[in-house]
Amino acid sequence: MEFRNLTPFSVLNYKMLNVDDIEHHVIAMKVGYKLIPTGNNNEYTPHVLTDLKLEFQDQFVNQPNSSSVRLESDLAPFKPRCDVIINGMAYAPDDIPTDSIVASILMTNRDNRVLIEKSLRCFGERQFVFNEDSNTWQLPPP
C-alpha cells in the first residue's frame, strides 16, 4: 500500500493488531482550530491550525503518572471518533468572588444544530485536608 499525505496536517500511517491478532492499517491525523471572536454576540469563526504535531505518548502537567494528563497520546488502539479538547480559564463574573461557577461550551453548525454542549462546575484552588479529630479527609471551601 502506498500512502501519501497531500494535506498540511501531521499524519501517521502504521499497522497494528487488534485483540484477535488481526492486522489493521491505521491512519492518525491531527487537525486543530483556533476560535477567533467575530465581535458579534459571543460568536467565533474557526481558523485551521496546520502546525500541530502528533503526540506519541501522554503529556503530563507535572510528574508522569502522578499528575493530570495535559495531552493524551494521539495513537490509541481504538478511537472511532475524534477528541475535542478545550484549554481555557474560568473567571467569576464581574470579578466578584464566589465558591464556584459553571463554565459551558455550546458548539453549533451553520444551521444552528447543536454539535457539542457541555458544562463544568469550576472551583477555586483547594486541596484535601486530613482531620485528625474525625480521622477523615475533608475538602475545605475554595
Protein backbone atom coordinates (compact mmCIF):
# COMPACT_ATOMS: atom_id res chain seq x y z
CA MET A 1 0.00 0.00 0.00
CA GLU A 2 1.26 3.46 -0.87
CA PHE A 3 0.29 6.26 1.48
CA ARG A 4 0.80 9.90 0.51
CA ASN A 5 -0.20 12.80 2.73
CA LEU A 6 -1.44 15.60 0.49
CA THR A 7 -2.69 17.69 3.42
CA PRO A 8 -0.86 20.29 5.52
CA PHE A 9 -1.63 18.24 8.65
CA SER A 10 0.51 15.90 10.74
CA VAL A 11 -0.29 12.32 9.66
CA LEU A 12 0.99 8.87 10.52
CA ASN A 13 0.24 5.57 8.77
CA TYR A 14 1.01 2.36 10.64
CA LYS A 15 -0.15 -1.22 11.18
CA MET A 16 -1.41 -2.65 14.43
CA LEU A 17 -3.01 -5.83 15.76
CA ASN A 18 -6.43 -5.87 17.37
CA VAL A 19 -7.36 -8.07 20.34
CA ASP A 20 -7.92 -11.01 17.96
CA ASP A 21 -4.43 -10.56 16.42
CA ILE A 22 -5.91 -9.31 13.14
CA GLU A 23 -3.73 -6.70 11.47
CA HIS A 24 -5.25 -3.33 10.59
CA HIS A 25 -3.90 -0.31 8.72
CA VAL A 26 -4.33 2.82 10.83
CA ILE A 27 -4.14 6.44 9.78
CA ALA A 28 -3.86 9.09 12.51
CA MET A 29 -4.24 12.75 11.57
CA LYS A 30 -4.11 15.77 13.84
CA VAL A 31 -6.19 18.80 12.94
CA GLY A 32 -6.85 21.76 15.20
CA TYR A 33 -8.76 25.00 15.14
CA LYS A 34 -8.32 28.30 16.93
CA LEU A 35 -11.59 30.08 17.52
CA ILE A 36 -11.38 33.78 16.62
CA PRO A 37 -14.05 36.13 18.04
CA THR A 38 -16.20 37.71 15.33
CA GLY A 39 -17.22 40.58 17.62
CA ASN A 40 -20.83 39.53 17.14
CA ASN A 41 -22.67 38.23 20.24
CA ASN A 42 -20.10 35.70 21.51
CA GLU A 43 -19.71 34.09 18.10
CA TYR A 44 -16.41 32.73 16.82
CA THR A 45 -15.05 31.68 13.47
CA PRO A 46 -12.64 28.72 13.22
CA HIS A 47 -9.09 29.21 11.97
CA VAL A 48 -7.36 25.96 10.90
CA LEU A 49 -4.04 25.20 12.63
CA THR A 50 -1.55 23.33 10.47
CA ASP A 51 1.46 23.29 12.82
CA LEU A 52 0.17 20.68 15.30
CA LYS A 53 2.28 17.56 15.77
CA LEU A 54 1.02 14.10 16.67
CA GLU A 55 1.60 13.13 20.31
CA PHE A 56 3.13 9.66 20.56
CA GLN A 57 2.77 9.45 24.35
CA ASP A 58 0.73 11.14 27.08
CA GLN A 59 1.98 14.56 28.19
CA PHE A 60 1.52 15.34 31.90
CA VAL A 61 1.09 18.63 33.77
CA ASN A 62 3.93 17.74 36.18
CA GLN A 63 5.42 14.34 37.02
CA PRO A 64 4.38 11.47 34.69
CA ASN A 65 1.70 9.17 36.12
CA SER A 66 1.37 11.27 39.30
CA SER A 67 -0.24 14.42 37.89
CA SER A 68 -3.04 15.27 35.49
CA VAL A 69 -2.73 14.41 31.82
CA ARG A 70 -2.28 17.59 29.78
CA LEU A 71 -2.44 15.90 26.38
CA GLU A 72 -3.27 12.29 25.62
CA SER A 73 -1.41 10.29 23.02
CA ASP A 74 -2.97 10.55 19.58
CA LEU A 75 -2.25 6.87 18.99
CA ALA A 76 -4.99 4.76 20.55
CA PRO A 77 -5.91 1.11 19.99
CA PHE A 78 -9.45 2.13 19.06
CA LYS A 79 -10.72 5.66 18.50
CA PRO A 80 -13.80 5.65 16.24
CA ARG A 81 -14.47 9.37 16.68
CA CYS A 82 -12.34 12.40 17.46
CA ASP A 83 -11.38 14.19 20.68
CA VAL A 84 -12.45 17.72 21.44
CA ILE A 85 -10.01 19.37 23.84
CA ILE A 86 -10.66 22.86 25.15
CA ASN A 87 -7.98 24.75 27.04
CA GLY A 88 -9.13 27.83 28.90
CA MET A 89 -9.56 29.71 32.14
CA ALA A 90 -12.77 30.35 34.06
CA TYR A 91 -13.28 33.66 35.83
CA ALA A 92 -16.03 34.70 38.25
CA PRO A 93 -18.49 37.08 36.59
CA ASP A 94 -17.71 40.76 37.24
CA ASP A 95 -14.67 39.66 39.33
CA ILE A 96 -16.99 39.00 42.30
CA PRO A 97 -15.57 36.16 44.45
CA THR A 98 -17.76 33.05 44.58
CA ASP A 99 -17.39 29.43 45.71
CA SER A 100 -17.93 28.06 42.21
CA ILE A 101 -19.13 28.93 38.74
CA VAL A 102 -20.40 26.91 35.81
CA ALA A 103 -18.42 27.24 32.58
CA SER A 104 -20.11 25.97 29.43
CA ILE A 105 -19.46 25.46 25.77
CA LEU A 106 -22.05 25.24 23.04
CA MET A 107 -20.87 24.44 19.54
CA THR A 108 -23.30 24.51 16.64
CA ASN A 109 -23.01 24.11 12.91
CA ARG A 110 -24.06 26.81 10.46
CA ASP A 111 -27.66 25.57 10.64
CA ASN A 112 -27.59 26.05 14.46
CA ARG A 113 -27.76 22.30 15.05
CA VAL A 114 -26.03 21.52 18.36
CA LEU A 115 -22.80 19.58 17.86
CA ILE A 116 -21.40 19.79 21.40
CA GLU A 117 -22.93 21.12 24.60
CA LYS A 118 -21.01 20.63 27.84
CA SER A 119 -20.92 22.30 31.26
CA LEU A 120 -18.34 22.10 34.01
CA ARG A 121 -18.53 23.39 37.57
CA CYS A 122 -15.28 25.21 38.39
CA PHE A 123 -13.89 25.83 41.87
CA GLY A 124 -11.01 27.93 43.13
CA GLU A 125 -7.82 26.33 44.38
CA ARG A 126 -8.24 23.90 47.26
CA GLN A 127 -6.92 20.59 48.48
CA PHE A 128 -8.00 17.73 50.71
CA VAL A 129 -7.01 18.16 54.39
CA PHE A 130 -6.81 15.33 56.92
CA ASN A 131 -8.86 15.99 60.07
CA GLU A 132 -7.16 14.10 62.91
CA ASP A 133 -10.15 14.54 65.26
CA SER A 134 -12.56 12.69 62.95
CA ASN A 135 -9.86 10.63 61.20
CA THR A 136 -11.25 11.68 57.80
CA TRP A 137 -10.20 13.65 54.76
CA GLN A 138 -12.15 16.85 54.17
CA LEU A 139 -12.38 19.28 51.30
CA PRO A 140 -12.46 22.87 52.63
CA PRO A 141 -14.16 25.69 50.71
CA PRO A 142 -12.16 27.28 47.89
